[in-house]
Amino acid sequence: MSDDAPDWTCSGCGRAVEETTPEKRTPCLHCGSLARTAHVTVTETVSVTTYLKTRAKHRDGGTKVLRDITEGDDYHRKTGKWNLMRRVIDRANNWYEEIFRDRDSGAIVHHTAEPLTEHKKPKPD
């Protein structure tokens, strides 16, 4: 089947016919029907990404989140590429870690590992 134009069959008997335009249509040589069926194929490509965020709170209750883990696909606007990202914010152990890997090669694009108190430390004036 061609990607440019549909294949045509006679709607009466199902046999292949050469179709031009409705104005110049001739009856089917086998059954005499003027009805036609177009056979067209449409192909779509779908890409799936995942993104997971988990939060752990203190086991004795309370509302404070002690540990955040975020991982999955992350789109980088500057490069126009999808990366694999893993970010851990562990408040109980004062730890912050973030790793971005190239989705195709697995190479590390960015890595930060430091105490959480140092992560967003205000810059001196």
PDB file of N, CA and C in Angstrom:
ATOM      1  N   MET A   1       0.848  -1.183   0.000  1.00  0.00           N
ATOM      2  CA  MET A   1       0.000   0.000   0.000  1.00  0.00           C
ATOM      3  C   MET A   1       0.889   1.239   0.000  1.00  0.00           C
ATOM      4  N   SER A   2       0.541   2.206  -0.758  1.00  0.00           N
ATOM      5  CA  SER A   2       1.315   3.429  -0.898  1.00  0.00           C
ATOM      6  C   SER A   2       1.044   4.381   0.259  1.00  0.00           C
ATOM      7  N   ASP A   3       2.058   5.147   0.659  1.00  0.00           N
ATOM      8  CA  ASP A   3       1.882   6.161   1.694  1.00  0.00           C
ATOM      9  C   ASP A   3       1.238   7.420   1.134  1.00  0.00           C
ATOM     10  N   ASP A   4       1.371   7.640  -0.193  1.00  0.00           N
ATOM     11  CA  ASP A   4       0.879   8.871  -0.805  1.00  0.00           C
ATOM     12  C   ASP A   4      -0.623   8.849  -1.076  1.00  0.00           C
ATOM     13  N   ALA A   5      -1.134   7.761  -1.592  1.00  0.00           N
ATOM     14  CA  ALA A   5      -2.541   7.701  -1.980  1.00  0.00           C
ATOM     15  C   ALA A   5      -3.148   6.401  -1.456  1.00  0.00           C
ATOM     16  N   PRO A   6      -4.436   6.415  -1.196  1.00  0.00           N
ATOM     17  CA  PRO A   6      -5.070   5.194  -0.698  1.00  0.00           C
ATOM     18  C   PRO A   6      -5.224   4.155  -1.802  1.00  0.00           C
ATOM     19  N   ASP A   7      -5.317   2.898  -1.380  1.00  0.00           N
ATOM     20  CA  ASP A   7      -5.678   1.831  -2.301  1.00  0.00           C
ATOM     21  C   ASP A   7      -7.198   1.757  -2.310  1.00  0.00           C
ATOM     22  N   TRP A   8      -7.759   1.436  -3.468  1.00  0.00           N
ATOM     23  CA  TRP A   8      -9.211   1.428  -3.621  1.00  0.00           C
ATOM     24  C   TRP A   8      -9.698   0.034  -3.964  1.00  0.00           C
ATOM     25  N   THR A   9     -10.876  -0.303  -3.421  1.00  0.00           N
ATOM     26  CA  THR A   9     -11.551  -1.539  -3.809  1.00  0.00           C
ATOM     27  C   THR A   9     -13.000  -1.202  -4.109  1.00  0.00           C
ATOM     28  N   CYS A  10     -13.634  -2.060  -4.857  1.00  0.00           N
ATOM     29  CA  CYS A  10     -15.056  -1.915  -5.143  1.00  0.00           C
ATOM     30  C   CYS A  10     -15.823  -2.257  -3.870  1.00  0.00           C
ATOM     31  N   SER A  11     -16.727  -1.394  -3.457  1.00  0.00           N
ATOM     32  CA  SER A  11     -17.513  -1.647  -2.247  1.00  0.00           C
ATOM     33  C   SER A  11     -18.526  -2.770  -2.464  1.00  0.00           C
ATOM     34  N   GLY A  12     -18.863  -3.073  -3.721  1.00  0.00           N
ATOM     35  CA  GLY A  12     -19.823  -4.133  -4.014  1.00  0.00           C
ATOM     36  C   GLY A  12     -19.221  -5.518  -3.918  1.00  0.00           C
ATOM     37  N   CYS A  13     -18.084  -5.731  -4.613  1.00  0.00           N
ATOM     38  CA  CYS A  13     -17.508  -7.076  -4.659  1.00  0.00           C
ATOM     39  C   CYS A  13     -16.160  -7.195  -3.953  1.00  0.00           C
ATOM     40  N   GLY A  14     -15.533  -6.056  -3.579  1.00  0.00           N
ATOM     41  CA  GLY A  14     -14.277  -6.092  -2.839  1.00  0.00           C
ATOM     42  C   GLY A  14     -13.040  -6.251  -3.693  1.00  0.00           C
ATOM     43  N   ARG A  15     -13.163  -6.222  -4.977  1.00  0.00           N
ATOM     44  CA  ARG A  15     -11.995  -6.375  -5.845  1.00  0.00           C
ATOM     45  C   ARG A  15     -11.281  -5.037  -6.034  1.00  0.00           C
ATOM     46  N   ALA A  16      -9.985  -5.101  -6.268  1.00  0.00           N
ATOM     47  CA  ALA A  16      -9.183  -3.894  -6.463  1.00  0.00           C
ATOM     48  C   ALA A  16      -9.612  -3.178  -7.732  1.00  0.00           C
ATOM     49  N   VAL A  17      -9.691  -1.829  -7.641  1.00  0.00           N
ATOM     50  CA  VAL A  17     -10.046  -1.020  -8.799  1.00  0.00           C
ATOM     51  C   VAL A  17      -9.092   0.164  -8.887  1.00  0.00           C
ATOM     52  N   GLU A  18      -8.925   0.681 -10.092  1.00  0.00           N
ATOM     53  CA  GLU A  18      -8.169   1.917 -10.301  1.00  0.00           C
ATOM     54  C   GLU A  18      -9.144   3.061 -10.108  1.00  0.00           C
ATOM     55  N   GLU A  19      -8.865   3.944  -9.181  1.00  0.00           N
ATOM     56  CA  GLU A  19      -9.775   5.054  -8.908  1.00  0.00           C
ATOM     57  C   GLU A  19      -9.113   6.352  -9.341  1.00  0.00           C
ATOM     58  N   THR A  20      -9.854   7.164 -10.031  1.00  0.00           N
ATOM     59  CA  THR A  20      -9.334   8.467 -10.439  1.00  0.00           C
ATOM     60  C   THR A  20     -10.071   9.531  -9.644  1.00  0.00           C
ATOM     61  N   THR A  21     -11.136  10.069 -10.155  1.00  0.00           N
ATOM     62  CA  THR A  21     -11.947  11.057  -9.439  1.00  0.00           C
ATOM     63  C   THR A  21     -13.402  10.609  -9.493  1.00  0.00           C
ATOM     64  N   PRO A  22     -14.235  11.045  -8.543  1.00  0.00           N
ATOM     65  CA  PRO A  22     -15.647  10.634  -8.550  1.00  0.00           C
ATOM     66  C   PRO A  22     -16.381  11.030  -9.832  1.00  0.00           C
ATOM     67  N   GLU A  23     -15.981  12.137 -10.466  1.00  0.00           N
ATOM     68  CA  GLU A  23     -16.654  12.577 -11.681  1.00  0.00           C
ATOM     69  C   GLU A  23     -16.390  11.624 -12.856  1.00  0.00           C
ATOM     70  N   LYS A  24     -15.211  10.992 -12.874  1.00  0.00           N
ATOM     71  CA  LYS A  24     -14.842  10.116 -13.984  1.00  0.00           C
ATOM     72  C   LYS A  24     -14.964   8.640 -13.614  1.00  0.00           C
ATOM     73  N   ARG A  25     -15.667   8.327 -12.540  1.00  0.00           N
ATOM     74  CA  ARG A  25     -15.763   6.953 -12.059  1.00  0.00           C
ATOM     75  C   ARG A  25     -16.532   6.083 -13.055  1.00  0.00           C
ATOM     76  N   THR A  26     -15.976   4.917 -13.317  1.00  0.00           N
ATOM     77  CA  THR A  26     -16.641   3.946 -14.198  1.00  0.00           C
ATOM     78  C   THR A  26     -17.120   2.774 -13.353  1.00  0.00           C
ATOM     79  N   PRO A  27     -18.180   2.114 -13.789  1.00  0.00           N
ATOM     80  CA  PRO A  27     -18.681   0.969 -13.018  1.00  0.00           C
ATOM     81  C   PRO A  27     -17.623  -0.130 -12.913  1.00  0.00           C
ATOM     82  N   CYS A  28     -17.686  -0.871 -11.807  1.00  0.00           N
ATOM     83  CA  CYS A  28     -16.784  -2.008 -11.593  1.00  0.00           C
ATOM     84  C   CYS A  28     -17.001  -3.005 -12.724  1.00  0.00           C
ATOM     85  N   LEU A  29     -15.914  -3.546 -13.268  1.00  0.00           N
ATOM     86  CA  LEU A  29     -16.000  -4.492 -14.372  1.00  0.00           C
ATOM     87  C   LEU A  29     -16.629  -5.823 -13.957  1.00  0.00           C
ATOM     88  N   HIS A  30     -16.614  -6.122 -12.656  1.00  0.00           N
ATOM     89  CA  HIS A  30     -17.109  -7.419 -12.195  1.00  0.00           C
ATOM     90  C   HIS A  30     -18.552  -7.374 -11.705  1.00  0.00           C
ATOM     91  N   CYS A  31     -18.944  -6.275 -10.999  1.00  0.00           N
ATOM     92  CA  CYS A  31     -20.305  -6.241 -10.441  1.00  0.00           C
ATOM     93  C   CYS A  31     -21.105  -5.018 -10.877  1.00  0.00           C
ATOM     94  N   GLY A  32     -20.454  -4.037 -11.485  1.00  0.00           N
ATOM     95  CA  GLY A  32     -21.152  -2.852 -11.972  1.00  0.00           C
ATOM     96  C   GLY A  32     -21.371  -1.764 -10.931  1.00  0.00           C
ATOM     97  N   SER A  33     -20.873  -1.950  -9.714  1.00  0.00           N
ATOM     98  CA  SER A  33     -21.070  -0.962  -8.650  1.00  0.00           C
ATOM     99  C   SER A  33     -20.198   0.269  -8.886  1.00  0.00           C
ATOM    100  N   LEU A  34     -20.740   1.435  -8.483  1.00  0.00           N
ATOM    101  CA  LEU A  34     -19.961   2.673  -8.534  1.00  0.00           C
ATOM    102  C   LEU A  34     -19.386   3.025  -7.159  1.00  0.00           C
ATOM    103  N   ALA A  35     -19.777   2.281  -6.134  1.00  0.00           N
ATOM    104  CA  ALA A  35     -19.307   2.560  -4.767  1.00  0.00           C
ATOM    105  C   ALA A  35     -17.869   2.074  -4.606  1.00  0.00           C
ATOM    106  N   ARG A  36     -17.061   2.874  -3.908  1.00  0.00           N
ATOM    107  CA  ARG A  36     -15.656   2.538  -3.699  1.00  0.00           C
ATOM    108  C   ARG A  36     -15.304   2.630  -2.211  1.00  0.00           C
ATOM    109  N   THR A  37     -14.307   1.850  -1.821  1.00  0.00           N
ATOM    110  CA  THR A  37     -13.782   1.883  -0.458  1.00  0.00           C
ATOM    111  C   THR A  37     -12.307   2.230  -0.532  1.00  0.00           C
ATOM    112  N   ALA A  38     -11.897   3.238   0.231  1.00  0.00           N
ATOM    113  CA  ALA A  38     -10.489   3.632   0.289  1.00  0.00           C
ATOM    114  C   ALA A  38      -9.837   2.943   1.479  1.00  0.00           C
ATOM    115  N   HIS A  39      -8.654   2.393   1.271  1.00  0.00           N
ATOM    116  CA  HIS A  39      -7.887   1.740   2.338  1.00  0.00           C
ATOM    117  C   HIS A  39      -6.675   2.615   2.639  1.00  0.00           C
ATOM    118  N   VAL A  40      -6.670   3.190   3.833  1.00  0.00           N
ATOM    119  CA  VAL A  40      -5.622   4.128   4.227  1.00  0.00           C
ATOM    120  C   VAL A  40      -5.005   3.640   5.539  1.00  0.00           C
ATOM    121  N   THR A  41      -3.711   3.769   5.664  1.00  0.00           N
ATOM    122  CA  THR A  41      -3.010   3.409   6.894  1.00  0.00           C
ATOM    123  C   THR A  41      -2.461   4.680   7.533  1.00  0.00           C
ATOM    124  N   VAL A  42      -2.708   4.823   8.829  1.00  0.00           N
ATOM    125  CA  VAL A  42      -2.177   5.955   9.589  1.00  0.00           C
ATOM    126  C   VAL A  42      -1.258   5.386  10.663  1.00  0.00           C
ATOM    127  N   THR A  43      -0.050   5.919  10.755  1.00  0.00           N
ATOM    128  CA  THR A  43       0.925   5.443  11.728  1.00  0.00           C
ATOM    129  C   THR A  43       1.284   6.581  12.675  1.00  0.00           C
ATOM    130  N   GLU A  44       1.227   6.311  13.964  1.00  0.00           N
ATOM    131  CA  GLU A  44       1.590   7.291  14.991  1.00  0.00           C
ATOM    132  C   GLU A  44       2.715   6.721  15.834  1.00  0.00           C
ATOM    133  N   THR A  45       3.582   7.588  16.323  1.00  0.00           N
ATOM    134  CA  THR A  45       4.646   7.190  17.227  1.00  0.00           C
ATOM    135  C   THR A  45       4.390   7.841  18.576  1.00  0.00           C
ATOM    136  N   VAL A  46       4.452   7.034  19.621  1.00  0.00           N
ATOM    137  CA  VAL A  46       4.190   7.527  20.966  1.00  0.00           C
ATOM    138  C   VAL A  46       5.437   7.330  21.808  1.00  0.00           C
ATOM    139  N   SER A  47       5.776   8.326  22.575  1.00  0.00           N
ATOM    140  CA  SER A  47       6.913   8.264  23.480  1.00  0.00           C
ATOM    141  C   SER A  47       6.389   8.409  24.904  1.00  0.00           C
ATOM    142  N   VAL A  48       6.847   7.538  25.788  1.00  0.00           N
ATOM    143  CA  VAL A  48       6.369   7.551  27.165  1.00  0.00           C
ATOM    144  C   VAL A  48       7.504   7.975  28.080  1.00  0.00           C
ATOM    145  N   THR A  49       7.201   8.861  29.019  1.00  0.00           N
ATOM    146  CA  THR A  49       8.178   9.254  30.024  1.00  0.00           C
ATOM    147  C   THR A  49       7.593   8.955  31.395  1.00  0.00           C
ATOM    148  N   THR A  50       8.471   8.780  32.375  1.00  0.00           N
ATOM    149  CA  THR A  50       8.018   8.517  33.738  1.00  0.00           C
ATOM    150  C   THR A  50       8.597   9.561  34.672  1.00  0.00           C
ATOM    151  N   TYR A  51       7.869   9.825  35.724  1.00  0.00           N
ATOM    152  CA  TYR A  51       8.298  10.790  36.728  1.00  0.00           C
ATOM    153  C   TYR A  51       7.666  10.350  38.036  1.00  0.00           C
ATOM    154  N   LEU A  52       8.477  10.056  39.029  1.00  0.00           N
ATOM    155  CA  LEU A  52       7.988   9.526  40.295  1.00  0.00           C
ATOM    156  C   LEU A  52       8.525  10.364  41.438  1.00  0.00           C
ATOM    157  N   LYS A  53       7.644  10.733  42.350  1.00  0.00           N
ATOM    158  CA  LYS A  53       8.052  11.509  43.511  1.00  0.00           C
ATOM    159  C   LYS A  53       7.524  10.799  44.754  1.00  0.00           C
ATOM    160  N   THR A  54       8.424  10.487  45.684  1.00  0.00           N
ATOM    161  CA  THR A  54       8.017   9.842  46.926  1.00  0.00           C
ATOM    162  C   THR A  54       8.433  10.723  48.093  1.00  0.00           C
ATOM    163  N   ARG A  55       7.639  10.668  49.151  1.00  0.00           N
ATOM    164  CA  ARG A  55       7.924  11.444  50.363  1.00  0.00           C
ATOM    165  C   ARG A  55       7.778  10.537  51.576  1.00  0.00           C
ATOM    166  N   ALA A  56       8.725  10.638  52.483  1.00  0.00           N
ATOM    167  CA  ALA A  56       8.683   9.849  53.719  1.00  0.00           C
ATOM    168  C   ALA A  56       8.546  10.796  54.898  1.00  0.00           C
ATOM    169  N   LYS A  57       7.579  10.486  55.746  1.00  0.00           N
ATOM    170  CA  LYS A  57       7.386  11.273  56.965  1.00  0.00           C
ATOM    171  C   LYS A  57       7.855  10.451  58.153  1.00  0.00           C
ATOM    172  N   HIS A  58       7.959  11.087  59.304  1.00  0.00           N
ATOM    173  CA  HIS A  58       8.418  10.415  60.512  1.00  0.00           C
ATOM    174  C   HIS A  58       7.449   9.306  60.878  1.00  0.00           C
ATOM    175  N   ARG A  59       7.982   8.176  61.296  1.00  0.00           N
ATOM    176  CA  ARG A  59       7.132   7.011  61.556  1.00  0.00           C
ATOM    177  C   ARG A  59       6.194   7.220  62.739  1.00  0.00           C
ATOM    178  N   ASP A  60       6.528   8.095  63.688  1.00  0.00           N
ATOM    179  CA  ASP A  60       5.661   8.353  64.839  1.00  0.00           C
ATOM    180  C   ASP A  60       4.565   9.361  64.524  1.00  0.00           C
ATOM    181  N   GLY A  61       4.437   9.724  63.296  1.00  0.00           N
ATOM    182  CA  GLY A  61       3.414  10.689  62.904  1.00  0.00           C
ATOM    183  C   GLY A  61       4.040  12.048  62.664  1.00  0.00           C
ATOM    184  N   GLY A  62       3.212  13.024  62.503  1.00  0.00           N
ATOM    185  CA  GLY A  62       3.702  14.359  62.228  1.00  0.00           C
ATOM    186  C   GLY A  62       3.555  14.689  60.756  1.00  0.00           C
ATOM    187  N   THR A  63       3.693  15.947  60.442  1.00  0.00           N
ATOM    188  CA  THR A  63       3.477  16.393  59.070  1.00  0.00           C
ATOM    189  C   THR A  63       4.770  16.717  58.330  1.00  0.00           C
ATOM    190  N   LYS A  64       5.888  16.785  59.038  1.00  0.00           N
ATOM    191  CA  LYS A  64       7.143  17.166  58.403  1.00  0.00           C
ATOM    192  C   LYS A  64       7.686  16.024  57.529  1.00  0.00           C
ATOM    193  N   VAL A  65       8.008  16.376  56.289  1.00  0.00           N
ATOM    194  CA  VAL A  65       8.585  15.410  55.351  1.00  0.00           C
ATOM    195  C   VAL A  65      10.075  15.317  55.643  1.00  0.00           C
ATOM    196  N   LEU A  66      10.539  14.093  55.937  1.00  0.00           N
ATOM    197  CA  LEU A  66      11.945  13.902  56.260  1.00  0.00           C
ATOM    198  C   LEU A  66      12.789  13.582  55.023  1.00  0.00           C
ATOM    199  N   ARG A  67      12.184  12.964  54.039  1.00  0.00           N
ATOM    200  CA  ARG A  67      12.955  12.557  52.865  1.00  0.00           C
ATOM    201  C   ARG A  67      12.084  12.655  51.615  1.00  0.00           C
ATOM    202  N   ASP A  68      12.590  13.349  50.588  1.00  0.00           N
ATOM    203  CA  ASP A  68      11.952  13.456  49.276  1.00  0.00           C
ATOM    204  C   ASP A  68      12.859  12.760  48.270  1.00  0.00           C
ATOM    205  N   ILE A  69      12.285  11.902  47.463  1.00  0.00           N
ATOM    206  CA  ILE A  69      13.036  11.300  46.364  1.00  0.00           C
ATOM    207  C   ILE A  69      12.230  11.540  45.094  1.00  0.00           C
ATOM    208  N   THR A  70      12.862  12.169  44.118  1.00  0.00           N
ATOM    209  CA  THR A  70      12.235  12.437  42.833  1.00  0.00           C
ATOM    210  C   THR A  70      13.127  11.831  41.770  1.00  0.00           C
ATOM    211  N   GLU A  71      12.531  11.006  40.906  1.00  0.00           N
ATOM    212  CA  GLU A  71      13.328  10.451  39.815  1.00  0.00           C
ATOM    213  C   GLU A  71      12.462  10.187  38.605  1.00  0.00           C
ATOM    214  N   GLY A  72      13.109  10.257  37.451  1.00  0.00           N
ATOM    215  CA  GLY A  72      12.392  10.013  36.206  1.00  0.00           C
ATOM    216  C   GLY A  72      12.945  10.866  35.083  1.00  0.00           C
ATOM    217  N   ASP A  73      12.140  10.999  34.059  1.00  0.00           N
ATOM    218  CA  ASP A  73      12.544  11.753  32.879  1.00  0.00           C
ATOM    219  C   ASP A  73      12.364  13.242  33.114  1.00  0.00           C
ATOM    220  N   ASP A  74      13.345  14.015  32.663  1.00  0.00           N
ATOM    221  CA  ASP A  74      13.307  15.457  32.852  1.00  0.00           C
ATOM    222  C   ASP A  74      13.771  16.121  31.553  1.00  0.00           C
ATOM    223  N   TYR A  75      12.993  17.067  31.062  1.00  0.00           N
ATOM    224  CA  TYR A  75      13.303  17.742  29.802  1.00  0.00           C
ATOM    225  C   TYR A  75      14.159  18.974  30.069  1.00  0.00           C
ATOM    226  N   HIS A  76      15.281  19.079  29.378  1.00  0.00           N
ATOM    227  CA  HIS A  76      16.170  20.231  29.512  1.00  0.00           C
ATOM    228  C   HIS A  76      15.914  21.170  28.339  1.00  0.00           C
ATOM    229  N   ARG A  77      15.377  22.345  28.619  1.00  0.00           N
ATOM    230  CA  ARG A  77      14.968  23.266  27.553  1.00  0.00           C
ATOM    231  C   ARG A  77      16.133  23.778  26.718  1.00  0.00           C
ATOM    232  N   LYS A  78      17.268  24.065  27.361  1.00  0.00           N
ATOM    233  CA  LYS A  78      18.401  24.632  26.618  1.00  0.00           C
ATOM    234  C   LYS A  78      18.931  23.672  25.559  1.00  0.00           C
ATOM    235  N   THR A  79      19.041  22.396  25.898  1.00  0.00           N
ATOM    236  CA  THR A  79      19.574  21.419  24.939  1.00  0.00           C
ATOM    237  C   THR A  79      18.476  20.744  24.127  1.00  0.00           C
ATOM    238  N   GLY A  80      17.233  20.840  24.599  1.00  0.00           N
ATOM    239  CA  GLY A  80      16.125  20.193  23.891  1.00  0.00           C
ATOM    240  C   GLY A  80      16.164  18.682  24.015  1.00  0.00           C
ATOM    241  N   LYS A  81      16.793  18.163  25.072  1.00  0.00           N
ATOM    242  CA  LYS A  81      16.937  16.721  25.253  1.00  0.00           C
ATOM    243  C   LYS A  81      16.290  16.270  26.558  1.00  0.00           C
ATOM    244  N   TRP A  82      15.876  15.014  26.563  1.00  0.00           N
ATOM    245  CA  TRP A  82      15.366  14.383  27.780  1.00  0.00           C
ATOM    246  C   TRP A  82      16.526  13.738  28.521  1.00  0.00           C
ATOM    247  N   ASN A  83      16.553  13.931  29.831  1.00  0.00           N
ATOM    248  CA  ASN A  83      17.566  13.338  30.689  1.00  0.00           C
ATOM    249  C   ASN A  83      16.875  12.494  31.754  1.00  0.00           C
ATOM    250  N   LEU A  84      17.645  11.593  32.365  1.00  0.00           N
ATOM    251  CA  LEU A  84      17.159  10.836  33.509  1.00  0.00           C
ATOM    252  C   LEU A  84      17.647  11.553  34.758  1.00  0.00           C
ATOM    253  N   MET A  85      16.730  11.865  35.650  1.00  0.00           N
ATOM    254  CA  MET A  85      17.047  12.661  36.828  1.00  0.00           C
ATOM    255  C   MET A  85      16.742  11.878  38.099  1.00  0.00           C
ATOM    256  N   ARG A  86      17.604  12.022  39.100  1.00  0.00           N
ATOM    257  CA  ARG A  86      17.345  11.487  40.440  1.00  0.00           C
ATOM    258  C   ARG A  86      17.761  12.547  41.445  1.00  0.00           C
ATOM    259  N   ARG A  87      16.815  12.931  42.310  1.00  0.00           N
ATOM    260  CA  ARG A  87      17.085  13.947  43.330  1.00  0.00           C
ATOM    261  C   ARG A  87      16.650  13.397  44.686  1.00  0.00           C
ATOM    262  N   VAL A  88      17.563  13.467  45.664  1.00  0.00           N
ATOM    263  CA  VAL A  88      17.275  13.021  47.022  1.00  0.00           C
ATOM    264  C   VAL A  88      17.469  14.200  47.963  1.00  0.00           C
ATOM    265  N   ILE A  89      16.419  14.512  48.716  1.00  0.00           N
ATOM    266  CA  ILE A  89      16.510  15.525  49.771  1.00  0.00           C
ATOM    267  C   ILE A  89      16.227  14.791  51.070  1.00  0.00           C
ATOM    268  N   ASP A  90      17.281  14.560  51.853  1.00  0.00           N
ATOM    269  CA  ASP A  90      17.186  13.801  53.095  1.00  0.00           C
ATOM    270  C   ASP A  90      17.405  14.756  54.274  1.00  0.00           C
ATOM    271  N   ARG A  91      16.302  15.244  54.827  1.00  0.00           N
ATOM    272  CA  ARG A  91      16.392  16.210  55.927  1.00  0.00           C
ATOM    273  C   ARG A  91      16.893  15.565  57.217  1.00  0.00           C
ATOM    274  N   ALA A  92      16.570  14.311  57.443  1.00  0.00           N
ATOM    275  CA  ALA A  92      16.990  13.618  58.659  1.00  0.00           C
ATOM    276  C   ALA A  92      18.508  13.477  58.716  1.00  0.00           C
ATOM    277  N   ASN A  93      19.156  13.276  57.575  1.00  0.00           N
ATOM    278  CA  ASN A  93      20.612  13.114  57.526  1.00  0.00           C
ATOM    279  C   ASN A  93      21.322  14.319  56.921  1.00  0.00           C
ATOM    280  N   ASN A  94      20.600  15.438  56.733  1.00  0.00           N
ATOM    281  CA  ASN A  94      21.174  16.665  56.197  1.00  0.00           C
ATOM    282  C   ASN A  94      21.931  16.407  54.885  1.00  0.00           C
ATOM    283  N   TRP A  95      21.241  15.793  53.897  1.00  0.00           N
ATOM    284  CA  TRP A  95      21.918  15.441  52.658  1.00  0.00           C
ATOM    285  C   TRP A  95      21.077  15.823  51.447  1.00  0.00           C
ATOM    286  N   TYR A  96      21.758  16.347  50.413  1.00  0.00           N
ATOM    287  CA  TYR A  96      21.130  16.686  49.135  1.00  0.00           C
ATOM    288  C   TYR A  96      21.969  16.058  48.037  1.00  0.00           C
ATOM    289  N   GLU A  97      21.309  15.337  47.127  1.00  0.00           N
ATOM    290  CA  GLU A  97      22.023  14.760  45.992  1.00  0.00           C
ATOM    291  C   GLU A  97      21.137  14.832  44.756  1.00  0.00           C
ATOM    292  N   GLU A  98      21.767  15.198  43.651  1.00  0.00           N
ATOM    293  CA  GLU A  98      21.053  15.352  42.393  1.00  0.00           C
ATOM    294  C   GLU A  98      21.962  14.855  41.267  1.00  0.00           C
ATOM    295  N   ILE A  99      21.421  13.958  40.444  1.00  0.00           N
ATOM    296  CA  ILE A  99      22.185  13.408  39.319  1.00  0.00           C
ATOM    297  C   ILE A  99      21.318  13.479  38.070  1.00  0.00           C
ATOM    298  N   PHE A 100      21.878  14.034  37.004  1.00  0.00           N
ATOM    299  CA  PHE A 100      21.228  14.043  35.696  1.00  0.00           C
ATOM    300  C   PHE A 100      22.100  13.235  34.752  1.00  0.00           C
ATOM    301  N   ARG A 101      21.482  12.268  34.057  1.00  0.00           N
ATOM    302  CA  ARG A 101      22.204  11.429  33.099  1.00  0.00           C
ATOM    303  C   ARG A 101      21.586  11.606  31.712  1.00  0.00           C
ATOM    304  N   ASP A 102      22.442  11.578  30.707  1.00  0.00           N
ATOM    305  CA  ASP A 102      21.967  11.616  29.324  1.00  0.00           C
ATOM    306  C   ASP A 102      21.155  10.348  29.076  1.00  0.00           C
ATOM    307  N   ARG A 103      19.980  10.513  28.562  1.00  0.00           N
ATOM    308  CA  ARG A 103      19.075   9.372  28.360  1.00  0.00           C
ATOM    309  C   ARG A 103      19.625   8.376  27.346  1.00  0.00           C
ATOM    310  N   ASP A 104      20.342   8.840  26.334  1.00  0.00           N
ATOM    311  CA  ASP A 104      20.844   7.957  25.284  1.00  0.00           C
ATOM    312  C   ASP A 104      22.136   7.243  25.680  1.00  0.00           C
ATOM    313  N   SER A 105      23.092   7.994  26.219  1.00  0.00           N
ATOM    314  CA  SER A 105      24.411   7.412  26.499  1.00  0.00           C
ATOM    315  C   SER A 105      24.592   6.984  27.947  1.00  0.00           C
ATOM    316  N   GLY A 106      23.796   7.527  28.858  1.00  0.00           N
ATOM    317  CA  GLY A 106      23.966   7.213  30.281  1.00  0.00           C
ATOM    318  C   GLY A 106      25.046   8.050  30.947  1.00  0.00           C
ATOM    319  N   ALA A 107      25.696   8.935  30.201  1.00  0.00           N
ATOM    320  CA  ALA A 107      26.756   9.770  30.756  1.00  0.00           C
ATOM    321  C   ALA A 107      26.163  10.782  31.743  1.00  0.00           C
ATOM    322  N   ILE A 108      26.904  11.063  32.792  1.00  0.00           N
ATOM    323  CA  ILE A 108      26.453  12.029  33.794  1.00  0.00           C
ATOM    324  C   ILE A 108      26.584  13.435  33.220  1.00  0.00           C
ATOM    325  N   VAL A 109      25.460  14.171  33.202  1.00  0.00           N
ATOM    326  CA  VAL A 109      25.419  15.536  32.702  1.00  0.00           C
ATOM    327  C   VAL A 109      25.666  16.511  33.842  1.00  0.00           C
ATOM    328  N   HIS A 110      25.114  16.184  35.017  1.00  0.00           N
ATOM    329  CA  HIS A 110      25.237  17.062  36.186  1.00  0.00           C
ATOM    330  C   HIS A 110      25.171  16.195  37.436  1.00  0.00           C
ATOM    331  N   HIS A 111      26.023  16.491  38.430  1.00  0.00           N
ATOM    332  CA  HIS A 111      25.984  15.765  39.696  1.00  0.00           C
ATOM    333  C   HIS A 111      26.299  16.725  40.834  1.00  0.00           C
ATOM    334  N   THR A 112      25.420  16.755  41.815  1.00  0.00           N
ATOM    335  CA  THR A 112      25.628  17.545  43.022  1.00  0.00           C
ATOM    336  C   THR A 112      25.367  16.640  44.212  1.00  0.00           C
ATOM    337  N   ALA A 113      26.314  16.620  45.164  1.00  0.00           N
ATOM    338  CA  ALA A 113      26.147  15.858  46.397  1.00  0.00           C
ATOM    339  C   ALA A 113      26.784  16.679  47.505  1.00  0.00           C
ATOM    340  N   GLU A 114      25.955  17.107  48.464  1.00  0.00           N
ATOM    341  CA  GLU A 114      26.458  17.984  49.515  1.00  0.00           C
ATOM    342  C   GLU A 114      25.477  17.988  50.684  1.00  0.00           C
ATOM    343  N   PRO A 115      25.929  18.484  51.835  1.00  0.00           N
ATOM    344  CA  PRO A 115      24.993  18.630  52.946  1.00  0.00           C
ATOM    345  C   PRO A 115      23.853  19.571  52.540  1.00  0.00           C
ATOM    346  N   LEU A 116      22.667  19.256  52.993  1.00  0.00           N
ATOM    347  CA  LEU A 116      21.486  20.052  52.628  1.00  0.00           C
ATOM    348  C   LEU A 116      21.629  21.496  53.099  1.00  0.00           C
ATOM    349  N   THR A 117      22.247  21.694  54.241  1.00  0.00           N
ATOM    350  CA  THR A 117      22.418  23.058  54.753  1.00  0.00           C
ATOM    351  C   THR A 117      23.342  23.891  53.862  1.00  0.00           C
ATOM    352  N   GLU A 118      24.191  23.252  53.078  1.00  0.00           N
ATOM    353  CA  GLU A 118      25.109  23.943  52.169  1.00  0.00           C
ATOM    354  C   GLU A 118      24.508  24.133  50.771  1.00  0.00           C
ATOM    355  N   HIS A 119      23.448  23.408  50.471  1.00  0.00           N
ATOM    356  CA  HIS A 119      22.932  23.394  49.105  1.00  0.00           C
ATOM    357  C   HIS A 119      22.437  24.758  48.644  1.00  0.00           C
ATOM    358  N   LYS A 120      21.608  25.396  49.378  1.00  0.00           N
ATOM    359  CA  LYS A 120      21.087  26.698  48.967  1.00  0.00           C
ATOM    360  C   LYS A 120      21.576  27.790  49.917  1.00  0.00           C
ATOM    361  N   LYS A 121      22.817  27.688  50.217  1.00  0.00           N
ATOM    362  CA  LYS A 121      23.427  28.669  51.115  1.00  0.00           C
ATOM    363  C   LYS A 121      23.444  30.026  50.415  1.00  0.00           C
ATOM    364  N   PRO A 122      22.976  31.069  51.086  1.00  0.00           N
ATOM    365  CA  PRO A 122      22.968  32.394  50.445  1.00  0.00           C
ATOM    366  C   PRO A 122      24.392  32.829  50.072  1.00  0.00           C
ATOM    367  N   LYS A 123      24.519  33.438  48.907  1.00  0.00           N
ATOM    368  CA  LYS A 123      25.819  33.911  48.445  1.00  0.00           C
ATOM    369  C   LYS A 123      26.151  35.213  49.171  1.00  0.00           C
ATOM    370  N   PRO A 124      27.420  35.379  49.547  1.00  0.00           N
ATOM    371  CA  PRO A 124      27.793  36.640  50.237  1.00  0.00           C
ATOM    372  C   PRO A 124      27.623  37.838  49.305  1.00  0.00           C
ATOM    373  N   ASP A 125      27.308  38.970  49.902  1.00  0.00           N
ATOM    374  CA  ASP A 125      27.084  40.187  49.127  1.00  0.00           C
ATOM    375  C   ASP A 125      28.320  40.708  48.476  1.00  0.00           C
TER     376      ASP A 125
END
